[in-house]
């Protein structure tokens, strides 16, 4: 018999108080996101130059933007997966997506003002391979800009790819724990049994 999430002792420990991850040693409280530091296509160092450098460089990685050889343009985004059994709780991947040069330039023009929410959605492609899925690199997506300098959300094109299905239907808590383990945060030993 399945235990409702709000009575699952593992969920309660993860969600209701601070805990130390046995893998990374960091203190967490609740669901935490997993971030990709760069698009998979980026081969340079992860030096994260200032965002303003995007105006003068044809090959760079910043906290929010990446330009590769003056030909390929990427923005850092958020891909959210709803957690089933909760009210509006999500796990998120911090990922990168491609944009056309024209769209990239539009986004740059409004980025500092923080009023991009009325723009888009823009066509793009997911630019990271995520562990535990068939290849996710280049999945078609819509990049949905947000206001207040919040990172754009990615909506994957509805397909039979498991990641697209999970974005539409949500993930169970056990799947969330599996995703964490696949990304170096195997916390099963730190959580009580269900």
N, C-alpha and C. Protein backbone atom coordinates (compact mmCIF):
# COMPACT_ATOMS: atom_id res chain seq x y z
N UNK A 1 0.84 -1.18 0.00
CA UNK A 1 0.00 0.00 0.00
C UNK A 1 0.89 1.25 0.00
N UNK A 2 0.58 2.18 -0.88
CA UNK A 2 1.34 3.41 -0.97
C UNK A 2 0.98 4.36 0.16
N UNK A 3 2.01 4.97 0.73
CA UNK A 3 1.82 5.96 1.79
C UNK A 3 1.63 7.32 1.12
N UNK A 4 0.59 8.09 1.50
CA UNK A 4 0.46 9.43 0.92
C UNK A 4 1.73 10.24 1.21
N UNK A 5 2.09 11.08 0.25
CA UNK A 5 3.35 11.81 0.35
C UNK A 5 3.44 12.63 1.64
N UNK A 6 2.35 13.24 2.05
CA UNK A 6 2.39 14.07 3.26
C UNK A 6 2.55 13.26 4.54
N UNK A 7 2.55 11.91 4.43
CA UNK A 7 2.81 11.06 5.60
C UNK A 7 4.02 10.15 5.39
N UNK A 8 4.69 10.30 4.26
CA UNK A 8 5.88 9.51 3.97
C UNK A 8 7.03 10.09 4.81
N UNK A 9 7.62 9.30 5.73
CA UNK A 9 8.68 9.83 6.60
C UNK A 9 9.90 10.34 5.82
N UNK A 10 10.15 9.78 4.65
CA UNK A 10 11.27 10.26 3.83
C UNK A 10 11.00 11.67 3.32
N UNK A 11 9.78 11.89 2.84
CA UNK A 11 9.38 13.22 2.36
C UNK A 11 9.41 14.22 3.50
N UNK A 12 8.89 13.81 4.65
CA UNK A 12 8.86 14.72 5.79
C UNK A 12 10.27 15.12 6.22
N UNK A 13 11.20 14.16 6.24
CA UNK A 13 12.57 14.50 6.62
C UNK A 13 13.21 15.42 5.58
N UNK A 14 12.98 15.12 4.31
CA UNK A 14 13.54 15.94 3.25
C UNK A 14 12.93 17.34 3.25
N UNK A 15 11.65 17.41 3.50
CA UNK A 15 10.91 18.64 3.25
C UNK A 15 10.74 19.55 4.47
N UNK A 16 10.67 18.99 5.64
CA UNK A 16 10.25 19.78 6.80
C UNK A 16 11.36 20.25 7.72
N UNK A 17 12.59 19.81 7.51
CA UNK A 17 13.67 20.28 8.37
C UNK A 17 15.00 20.20 7.62
N UNK A 18 15.99 20.93 8.11
CA UNK A 18 17.31 20.90 7.50
C UNK A 18 17.91 19.51 7.64
N UNK A 19 18.66 19.10 6.65
CA UNK A 19 19.35 17.81 6.68
C UNK A 19 20.65 17.94 5.88
N UNK A 20 21.58 17.09 6.18
CA UNK A 20 22.88 17.11 5.52
C UNK A 20 22.90 15.99 4.49
N UNK A 21 23.22 16.34 3.24
CA UNK A 21 23.32 15.35 2.17
C UNK A 21 24.54 14.47 2.44
N UNK A 22 24.37 13.14 2.46
CA UNK A 22 25.50 12.25 2.73
C UNK A 22 26.53 12.23 1.60
N UNK A 23 26.17 12.76 0.43
CA UNK A 23 27.09 12.73 -0.72
C UNK A 23 27.90 14.02 -0.86
N UNK A 24 27.21 15.17 -0.76
CA UNK A 24 27.92 16.44 -0.99
C UNK A 24 28.26 17.16 0.31
N UNK A 25 27.68 16.72 1.44
CA UNK A 25 27.96 17.34 2.72
C UNK A 25 27.27 18.68 2.93
N UNK A 26 26.46 19.11 1.96
CA UNK A 26 25.77 20.40 2.07
C UNK A 26 24.47 20.26 2.87
N UNK A 27 24.10 21.36 3.51
CA UNK A 27 22.83 21.40 4.23
C UNK A 27 21.72 21.75 3.23
N UNK A 28 20.65 20.99 3.27
CA UNK A 28 19.50 21.22 2.40
C UNK A 28 18.24 21.27 3.25
N UNK A 29 17.23 21.88 2.68
CA UNK A 29 15.89 21.84 3.27
C UNK A 29 14.91 21.80 2.11
N UNK A 30 14.20 20.72 2.00
CA UNK A 30 13.23 20.59 0.92
C UNK A 30 13.86 20.15 -0.38
N UNK A 31 13.05 20.26 -1.40
CA UNK A 31 13.48 19.87 -2.74
C UNK A 31 14.51 20.88 -3.23
N UNK A 32 15.62 20.38 -3.75
CA UNK A 32 16.63 21.27 -4.31
C UNK A 32 16.82 20.92 -5.78
N UNK A 33 17.27 21.89 -6.54
CA UNK A 33 17.41 21.75 -7.97
C UNK A 33 18.80 21.23 -8.33
N UNK A 34 18.91 20.69 -9.54
CA UNK A 34 20.18 20.23 -10.10
C UNK A 34 20.49 21.12 -11.29
N UNK A 35 21.70 21.68 -11.32
CA UNK A 35 22.05 22.63 -12.38
C UNK A 35 23.19 22.12 -13.25
N UNK A 36 23.10 22.41 -14.52
CA UNK A 36 24.17 22.17 -15.49
C UNK A 36 24.93 23.49 -15.63
N UNK A 37 26.22 23.48 -15.41
CA UNK A 37 27.01 24.70 -15.42
C UNK A 37 27.24 25.30 -16.79
N UNK A 38 27.00 24.52 -17.86
CA UNK A 38 27.28 25.00 -19.21
C UNK A 38 26.51 24.15 -20.20
N UNK A 39 26.29 24.68 -21.42
CA UNK A 39 25.74 23.81 -22.46
C UNK A 39 26.74 22.70 -22.77
N UNK A 40 26.27 21.54 -23.14
CA UNK A 40 27.18 20.43 -23.44
C UNK A 40 28.10 20.74 -24.62
N UNK A 41 27.71 21.67 -25.47
CA UNK A 41 28.53 22.03 -26.62
C UNK A 41 29.73 22.90 -26.23
N UNK A 42 29.70 23.53 -25.08
CA UNK A 42 30.79 24.42 -24.64
C UNK A 42 31.99 23.59 -24.25
N UNK A 43 33.15 23.88 -24.87
CA UNK A 43 34.37 23.13 -24.58
C UNK A 43 35.39 23.95 -23.82
N UNK A 44 35.13 25.23 -23.63
CA UNK A 44 36.07 26.09 -22.93
C UNK A 44 35.96 25.95 -21.42
N UNK A 45 36.73 26.75 -20.69
CA UNK A 45 36.69 26.69 -19.22
C UNK A 45 35.36 27.25 -18.69
N UNK A 46 34.99 26.79 -17.51
CA UNK A 46 33.80 27.30 -16.84
C UNK A 46 34.20 28.49 -15.99
N UNK A 47 34.59 29.57 -16.65
CA UNK A 47 35.07 30.74 -15.93
C UNK A 47 33.97 31.73 -15.59
N UNK A 48 32.81 31.59 -16.21
CA UNK A 48 31.67 32.46 -15.96
C UNK A 48 32.04 33.94 -15.93
N UNK A 49 32.34 34.45 -17.10
CA UNK A 49 32.63 35.87 -17.26
C UNK A 49 31.38 36.69 -16.96
N UNK A 50 31.50 37.99 -16.76
CA UNK A 50 30.31 38.81 -16.48
C UNK A 50 29.37 38.82 -17.69
N UNK A 51 28.07 38.94 -17.41
CA UNK A 51 27.08 38.96 -18.50
C UNK A 51 27.37 40.05 -19.51
N UNK A 52 27.93 41.17 -19.08
CA UNK A 52 28.20 42.28 -20.00
C UNK A 52 29.21 41.89 -21.09
N UNK A 53 30.02 40.87 -20.85
CA UNK A 53 31.02 40.44 -21.83
C UNK A 53 30.38 39.87 -23.09
N UNK A 54 29.12 39.50 -23.01
CA UNK A 54 28.43 38.93 -24.18
C UNK A 54 28.35 39.95 -25.32
N UNK A 55 28.43 41.22 -25.00
CA UNK A 55 28.34 42.26 -26.03
C UNK A 55 29.61 42.41 -26.85
N UNK A 56 30.72 41.90 -26.34
CA UNK A 56 32.01 42.11 -27.01
C UNK A 56 32.75 40.83 -27.35
N UNK A 57 32.17 39.68 -27.09
CA UNK A 57 32.89 38.43 -27.32
C UNK A 57 32.07 37.48 -28.19
N UNK A 58 32.75 36.74 -29.03
CA UNK A 58 32.07 35.76 -29.88
C UNK A 58 32.25 34.33 -29.36
N UNK A 59 32.89 34.20 -28.20
CA UNK A 59 33.11 32.88 -27.61
C UNK A 59 33.21 33.05 -26.10
N UNK A 60 32.11 32.83 -25.39
CA UNK A 60 32.14 33.04 -23.95
C UNK A 60 31.06 32.28 -23.24
N UNK A 61 31.27 32.13 -21.94
CA UNK A 61 30.29 31.54 -21.03
C UNK A 61 30.14 32.49 -19.86
N UNK A 62 28.90 32.91 -19.59
CA UNK A 62 28.61 33.72 -18.42
C UNK A 62 27.63 32.93 -17.56
N UNK A 63 27.16 33.54 -16.50
CA UNK A 63 26.18 32.87 -15.64
C UNK A 63 24.87 32.61 -16.36
N UNK A 64 24.52 33.47 -17.32
CA UNK A 64 23.22 33.37 -17.98
C UNK A 64 23.27 33.15 -19.49
N UNK A 65 24.42 33.38 -20.11
CA UNK A 65 24.53 33.32 -21.57
C UNK A 65 25.76 32.55 -22.00
N UNK A 66 25.67 31.99 -23.20
CA UNK A 66 26.82 31.33 -23.80
C UNK A 66 26.78 31.61 -25.30
N UNK A 67 27.92 31.97 -25.85
CA UNK A 67 28.06 32.16 -27.29
C UNK A 67 29.22 31.29 -27.72
N UNK A 68 29.00 30.52 -28.76
CA UNK A 68 30.01 29.59 -29.24
C UNK A 68 30.39 29.98 -30.67
N UNK A 69 31.62 30.43 -30.85
CA UNK A 69 32.17 30.80 -32.15
C UNK A 69 31.33 31.84 -32.89
N UNK A 70 30.61 32.69 -32.16
CA UNK A 70 29.79 33.72 -32.78
C UNK A 70 28.65 33.19 -33.62
N UNK A 71 28.37 31.88 -33.51
CA UNK A 71 27.37 31.24 -34.36
C UNK A 71 26.25 30.55 -33.59
N UNK A 72 26.53 30.16 -32.37
CA UNK A 72 25.55 29.40 -31.59
C UNK A 72 25.30 30.16 -30.29
N UNK A 73 24.03 30.30 -29.94
CA UNK A 73 23.64 31.16 -28.83
C UNK A 73 22.78 30.37 -27.86
N UNK A 74 23.13 30.45 -26.57
CA UNK A 74 22.46 29.68 -25.53
C UNK A 74 22.07 30.59 -24.37
N UNK A 75 20.98 30.24 -23.71
CA UNK A 75 20.59 30.92 -22.47
C UNK A 75 20.34 29.86 -21.40
N UNK A 76 20.64 30.24 -20.16
CA UNK A 76 20.38 29.35 -19.03
C UNK A 76 18.89 29.42 -18.72
N UNK A 77 18.30 28.26 -18.50
CA UNK A 77 16.85 28.15 -18.31
C UNK A 77 16.54 27.21 -17.15
N UNK A 78 15.26 27.08 -16.87
CA UNK A 78 14.76 26.18 -15.83
C UNK A 78 13.76 25.22 -16.46
N UNK A 79 13.99 23.93 -16.27
CA UNK A 79 13.07 22.90 -16.73
C UNK A 79 12.44 22.28 -15.49
N UNK A 80 11.17 22.55 -15.29
CA UNK A 80 10.50 22.11 -14.06
C UNK A 80 9.72 20.82 -14.28
N UNK A 81 9.80 19.93 -13.28
CA UNK A 81 9.02 18.69 -13.27
C UNK A 81 8.13 18.73 -12.03
N UNK A 82 6.81 18.70 -12.20
CA UNK A 82 5.93 18.69 -11.03
C UNK A 82 6.14 17.41 -10.22
N UNK A 83 5.98 17.51 -8.93
CA UNK A 83 6.07 16.34 -8.06
C UNK A 83 4.65 15.90 -7.73
N UNK A 84 4.32 14.67 -8.13
CA UNK A 84 2.96 14.18 -7.91
C UNK A 84 2.70 14.00 -6.41
N UNK A 85 1.47 14.22 -6.02
CA UNK A 85 1.10 14.11 -4.61
C UNK A 85 1.33 15.38 -3.83
N UNK A 86 1.74 16.47 -4.52
CA UNK A 86 1.94 17.76 -3.87
C UNK A 86 1.08 18.81 -4.57
N UNK A 87 0.93 19.92 -3.90
CA UNK A 87 0.23 21.05 -4.51
C UNK A 87 1.29 22.03 -4.99
N UNK A 88 1.48 22.09 -6.28
CA UNK A 88 2.37 23.06 -6.92
C UNK A 88 3.82 22.99 -6.44
N UNK A 89 4.32 21.81 -6.16
CA UNK A 89 5.73 21.63 -5.80
C UNK A 89 6.44 21.04 -7.02
N UNK A 90 7.62 21.58 -7.32
CA UNK A 90 8.38 21.16 -8.49
C UNK A 90 9.82 20.86 -8.13
N UNK A 91 10.40 19.95 -8.88
CA UNK A 91 11.84 19.78 -8.95
C UNK A 91 12.26 20.46 -10.24
N UNK A 92 13.44 21.07 -10.26
CA UNK A 92 13.87 21.75 -11.48
C UNK A 92 15.31 21.39 -11.84
N UNK A 93 15.52 21.28 -13.12
CA UNK A 93 16.86 21.21 -13.69
C UNK A 93 17.22 22.62 -14.16
N UNK A 94 18.41 23.09 -13.82
CA UNK A 94 18.96 24.29 -14.44
C UNK A 94 19.69 23.83 -15.68
N UNK A 95 19.15 24.16 -16.84
CA UNK A 95 19.68 23.67 -18.11
C UNK A 95 19.91 24.84 -19.06
N UNK A 96 20.43 24.54 -20.21
CA UNK A 96 20.69 25.52 -21.25
C UNK A 96 19.88 25.17 -22.49
N UNK A 97 19.48 26.21 -23.22
CA UNK A 97 18.74 26.02 -24.46
C UNK A 97 19.30 26.95 -25.53
N UNK A 98 19.19 26.52 -26.77
CA UNK A 98 19.61 27.35 -27.89
C UNK A 98 18.55 28.40 -28.19
N UNK A 99 19.00 29.50 -28.74
CA UNK A 99 18.12 30.50 -29.33
C UNK A 99 18.73 30.93 -30.65
N UNK A 100 17.90 31.43 -31.54
CA UNK A 100 18.44 32.01 -32.77
C UNK A 100 19.18 33.30 -32.41
N UNK A 101 20.04 33.76 -33.28
CA UNK A 101 20.77 35.02 -33.05
C UNK A 101 19.79 36.17 -32.85
N UNK A 102 18.76 36.24 -33.66
CA UNK A 102 17.77 37.32 -33.56
C UNK A 102 17.07 37.31 -32.20
N UNK A 103 16.63 36.14 -31.79
CA UNK A 103 15.93 36.02 -30.50
C UNK A 103 16.88 36.28 -29.34
N UNK A 104 18.10 35.77 -29.45
CA UNK A 104 19.12 36.00 -28.43
C UNK A 104 19.34 37.50 -28.24
N UNK A 105 19.46 38.23 -29.34
CA UNK A 105 19.67 39.68 -29.27
C UNK A 105 18.47 40.39 -28.63
N UNK A 106 17.27 39.96 -28.95
CA UNK A 106 16.06 40.54 -28.32
C UNK A 106 16.12 40.32 -26.81
N UNK A 107 16.45 39.10 -26.42
CA UNK A 107 16.52 38.78 -24.99
C UNK A 107 17.59 39.62 -24.29
N UNK A 108 18.76 39.77 -24.92
CA UNK A 108 19.82 40.60 -24.35
C UNK A 108 19.35 42.04 -24.13
N UNK A 109 18.60 42.57 -25.09
CA UNK A 109 18.13 43.96 -25.01
C UNK A 109 17.24 44.22 -23.80
N UNK A 110 16.47 43.22 -23.38
CA UNK A 110 15.53 43.44 -22.27
C UNK A 110 15.98 42.79 -20.96
N UNK A 111 17.08 42.05 -21.01
CA UNK A 111 17.49 41.27 -19.84
C UNK A 111 17.69 42.13 -18.59
N UNK A 112 18.46 43.18 -18.69
CA UNK A 112 18.75 44.00 -17.51
C UNK A 112 17.53 44.72 -16.98
N UNK A 113 16.59 45.07 -17.85
CA UNK A 113 15.36 45.74 -17.41
C UNK A 113 14.43 44.78 -16.67
N UNK A 114 14.58 43.49 -16.92
CA UNK A 114 13.79 42.50 -16.20
C UNK A 114 12.34 42.41 -16.65
N UNK A 115 12.05 42.84 -17.87
CA UNK A 115 10.66 42.80 -18.32
C UNK A 115 10.51 41.95 -19.58
N UNK A 116 10.99 40.73 -19.53
CA UNK A 116 10.96 39.83 -20.68
C UNK A 116 9.72 38.95 -20.70
N UNK A 117 8.90 38.99 -19.65
CA UNK A 117 7.78 38.06 -19.52
C UNK A 117 6.77 38.11 -20.64
N UNK A 118 6.64 39.24 -21.32
CA UNK A 118 5.67 39.35 -22.41
C UNK A 118 6.24 38.86 -23.74
N UNK A 119 7.51 38.51 -23.76
CA UNK A 119 8.14 38.02 -24.98
C UNK A 119 8.01 36.50 -25.05
N UNK A 120 8.19 35.97 -26.23
CA UNK A 120 8.19 34.53 -26.39
C UNK A 120 6.79 33.94 -26.34
N UNK A 121 6.67 32.64 -26.30
CA UNK A 121 7.79 31.69 -26.23
C UNK A 121 8.56 31.63 -27.53
N UNK A 122 9.84 31.23 -27.38
CA UNK A 122 10.74 31.12 -28.52
C UNK A 122 11.11 29.66 -28.72
N UNK A 123 11.31 29.30 -29.96
CA UNK A 123 11.75 27.94 -30.26
C UNK A 123 13.22 27.77 -29.88
N UNK A 124 13.53 26.64 -29.33
CA UNK A 124 14.90 26.34 -28.96
C UNK A 124 15.12 24.84 -28.90
N UNK A 125 16.28 24.48 -28.46
CA UNK A 125 16.62 23.07 -28.25
C UNK A 125 17.37 22.93 -26.93
N UNK A 126 16.98 21.92 -26.19
CA UNK A 126 17.66 21.62 -24.93
C UNK A 126 19.12 21.30 -25.24
N UNK A 127 20.03 21.88 -24.47
CA UNK A 127 21.46 21.77 -24.80
C UNK A 127 22.26 21.04 -23.74
N UNK A 128 21.61 20.12 -23.03
CA UNK A 128 22.29 19.30 -22.03
C UNK A 128 21.79 17.87 -22.11
N UNK A 129 22.69 16.95 -21.80
CA UNK A 129 22.31 15.55 -21.62
C UNK A 129 22.07 15.35 -20.14
N UNK A 130 20.91 14.82 -19.78
CA UNK A 130 20.56 14.62 -18.38
C UNK A 130 20.65 13.14 -18.05
N UNK A 131 21.36 12.79 -16.97
CA UNK A 131 21.50 11.38 -16.59
C UNK A 131 20.15 10.73 -16.31
N UNK A 132 20.05 9.46 -16.69
CA UNK A 132 18.85 8.69 -16.39
C UNK A 132 17.77 8.77 -17.43
N UNK A 133 18.08 9.38 -18.57
CA UNK A 133 17.12 9.51 -19.67
C UNK A 133 17.79 9.06 -20.96
N UNK A 134 16.99 8.62 -21.95
CA UNK A 134 17.58 8.54 -23.29
C UNK A 134 18.08 9.93 -23.66
N UNK A 135 18.92 10.03 -24.66
CA UNK A 135 19.58 11.30 -24.99
C UNK A 135 18.60 12.47 -25.00
N UNK A 136 18.90 13.48 -24.20
CA UNK A 136 18.06 14.68 -24.12
C UNK A 136 18.63 15.84 -24.93
N UNK A 137 19.85 15.71 -25.42
CA UNK A 137 20.49 16.77 -26.18
C UNK A 137 19.70 17.06 -27.45
N UNK A 138 19.37 18.32 -27.65
CA UNK A 138 18.66 18.80 -28.83
C UNK A 138 17.16 18.49 -28.85
N UNK A 139 16.58 18.13 -27.71
CA UNK A 139 15.12 18.00 -27.68
C UNK A 139 14.51 19.37 -27.99
N UNK A 140 13.49 19.39 -28.83
CA UNK A 140 12.82 20.64 -29.18
C UNK A 140 12.07 21.17 -27.96
N UNK A 141 12.13 22.49 -27.80
CA UNK A 141 11.47 23.10 -26.66
C UNK A 141 11.02 24.51 -26.99
N UNK A 142 10.22 25.05 -26.10
CA UNK A 142 9.85 26.46 -26.12
C UNK A 142 10.52 27.12 -24.93
N UNK A 143 11.23 28.20 -25.19
CA UNK A 143 11.89 28.98 -24.15
C UNK A 143 10.93 30.11 -23.80
N UNK A 144 10.48 30.13 -22.55
CA UNK A 144 9.45 31.07 -22.09
C UNK A 144 10.07 32.08 -21.13
N UNK A 145 10.38 33.28 -21.62
CA UNK A 145 11.01 34.31 -20.77
C UNK A 145 10.13 34.68 -19.58
N UNK A 146 10.78 35.12 -18.51
CA UNK A 146 10.09 35.52 -17.28
C UNK A 146 10.46 36.96 -16.95
N UNK A 147 9.65 37.60 -16.14
CA UNK A 147 9.95 38.94 -15.66
C UNK A 147 10.93 38.89 -14.49
N UNK A 148 11.39 40.06 -14.08
CA UNK A 148 12.23 40.24 -12.89
C UNK A 148 13.56 39.47 -12.96
N UNK A 149 14.10 39.35 -14.15
CA UNK A 149 15.39 38.68 -14.39
C UNK A 149 15.40 37.23 -13.92
N UNK A 150 14.23 36.65 -13.84
CA UNK A 150 14.15 35.21 -13.56
C UNK A 150 14.50 34.46 -14.84
N UNK A 151 15.13 33.32 -14.68
CA UNK A 151 15.53 32.55 -15.86
C UNK A 151 14.30 32.04 -16.60
N UNK A 152 14.40 31.96 -17.93
CA UNK A 152 13.27 31.44 -18.71
C UNK A 152 12.95 30.00 -18.32
N UNK A 153 11.69 29.64 -18.44
CA UNK A 153 11.27 28.26 -18.26
C UNK A 153 11.29 27.58 -19.61
N UNK A 154 11.57 26.30 -19.61
CA UNK A 154 11.55 25.50 -20.83
C UNK A 154 10.31 24.60 -20.77
N UNK A 155 9.58 24.60 -21.87
CA UNK A 155 8.48 23.66 -22.06
C UNK A 155 8.89 22.76 -23.22
N UNK A 156 9.11 21.48 -22.92
CA UNK A 156 9.51 20.55 -23.97
C UNK A 156 8.35 20.30 -24.93
N UNK A 157 8.70 20.07 -26.18
CA UNK A 157 7.68 19.70 -27.15
C UNK A 157 7.06 18.39 -26.69
N UNK A 158 5.74 18.26 -26.71
CA UNK A 158 5.10 17.00 -26.29
C UNK A 158 5.49 15.86 -27.23
N UNK A 159 6.22 14.91 -26.69
CA UNK A 159 6.64 13.72 -27.45
C UNK A 159 6.56 12.53 -26.51
N UNK A 160 7.01 11.37 -26.99
CA UNK A 160 7.04 10.19 -26.14
C UNK A 160 8.38 10.05 -25.40
N UNK A 161 9.22 11.10 -25.45
CA UNK A 161 10.48 11.06 -24.70
C UNK A 161 10.14 11.07 -23.20
N UNK A 162 10.79 10.23 -22.39
CA UNK A 162 10.46 10.17 -20.96
C UNK A 162 10.55 11.51 -20.23
N UNK A 163 11.49 12.36 -20.59
CA UNK A 163 11.59 13.66 -19.94
C UNK A 163 10.38 14.53 -20.27
N UNK A 164 9.94 14.52 -21.52
CA UNK A 164 8.75 15.28 -21.91
C UNK A 164 7.51 14.74 -21.19
N UNK A 165 7.42 13.44 -21.07
CA UNK A 165 6.28 12.83 -20.36
C UNK A 165 6.31 13.22 -18.89
N UNK A 166 7.49 13.18 -18.26
CA UNK A 166 7.58 13.57 -16.85
C UNK A 166 7.24 15.05 -16.65
N UNK A 167 7.59 15.89 -17.61
CA UNK A 167 7.24 17.30 -17.46
C UNK A 167 5.72 17.48 -17.53
N UNK A 168 5.07 16.69 -18.34
CA UNK A 168 3.62 16.79 -18.49
C UNK A 168 2.88 16.14 -17.31
N UNK A 169 3.31 14.96 -16.89
CA UNK A 169 2.57 14.17 -15.90
C UNK A 169 3.10 14.30 -14.47
N UNK A 170 4.35 14.73 -14.34
CA UNK A 170 4.96 14.82 -13.02
C UNK A 170 5.76 13.58 -12.68
N UNK A 171 6.50 13.68 -11.58
CA UNK A 171 7.31 12.56 -11.10
C UNK A 171 6.92 12.22 -9.68
N UNK A 172 6.99 10.95 -9.36
CA UNK A 172 6.75 10.48 -7.99
C UNK A 172 7.98 10.78 -7.13
N UNK A 173 7.79 10.75 -5.83
CA UNK A 173 8.90 11.03 -4.91
C UNK A 173 10.04 10.04 -5.10
N UNK A 174 9.73 8.76 -5.33
CA UNK A 174 10.79 7.77 -5.56
C UNK A 174 11.60 8.11 -6.81
N UNK A 175 10.95 8.63 -7.84
CA UNK A 175 11.67 9.04 -9.04
C UNK A 175 12.56 10.25 -8.74
N UNK A 176 12.08 11.17 -7.91
CA UNK A 176 12.91 12.31 -7.51
C UNK A 176 14.18 11.81 -6.81
N UNK A 177 14.03 10.85 -5.90
CA UNK A 177 15.21 10.30 -5.22
C UNK A 177 16.16 9.62 -6.20
N UNK A 178 15.60 8.97 -7.22
CA UNK A 178 16.42 8.33 -8.25
C UNK A 178 17.19 9.39 -9.05
N UNK A 179 16.52 10.49 -9.41
CA UNK A 179 17.17 11.58 -10.14
C UNK A 179 18.32 12.15 -9.31
N UNK A 180 18.07 12.37 -8.02
CA UNK A 180 19.14 12.87 -7.16
C UNK A 180 20.33 11.91 -7.15
N UNK A 181 20.06 10.61 -7.01
CA UNK A 181 21.15 9.63 -6.98
C UNK A 181 21.93 9.64 -8.30
N UNK A 182 21.24 9.75 -9.42
CA UNK A 182 21.90 9.79 -10.72
C UNK A 182 22.78 11.02 -10.88
N UNK A 183 22.52 12.04 -10.08
CA UNK A 183 23.28 13.29 -10.14
C UNK A 183 24.19 13.49 -8.93
N UNK A 184 24.56 12.38 -8.28
CA UNK A 184 25.56 12.43 -7.21
C UNK A 184 25.02 12.75 -5.83
N UNK A 185 23.72 12.63 -5.62
CA UNK A 185 23.12 12.91 -4.31
C UNK A 185 22.28 11.70 -3.87
N UNK A 186 22.91 10.56 -3.71
CA UNK A 186 22.18 9.36 -3.28
C UNK A 186 21.92 9.46 -1.79
N UNK A 187 20.72 9.83 -1.46
CA UNK A 187 20.40 10.11 -0.06
C UNK A 187 19.53 9.04 0.58
N UNK A 188 19.39 7.90 -0.05
CA UNK A 188 18.55 6.83 0.51
C UNK A 188 18.96 6.47 1.94
N UNK A 189 20.27 6.42 2.19
CA UNK A 189 20.74 6.02 3.52
C UNK A 189 20.43 7.07 4.58
N UNK A 190 20.22 8.31 4.17
CA UNK A 190 19.95 9.38 5.11
C UNK A 190 18.47 9.55 5.43
N UNK A 191 17.62 8.86 4.66
CA UNK A 191 16.18 9.01 4.86
C UNK A 191 15.61 7.76 5.49
N UNK A 192 14.63 7.91 6.38
CA UNK A 192 14.01 6.73 6.98
C UNK A 192 13.23 5.95 5.94
N UNK A 193 12.92 4.71 6.22
CA UNK A 193 12.14 3.87 5.31
C UNK A 193 10.72 4.37 5.24
N UNK A 194 10.10 4.15 4.09
CA UNK A 194 8.69 4.56 3.91
C UNK A 194 7.76 3.63 4.67
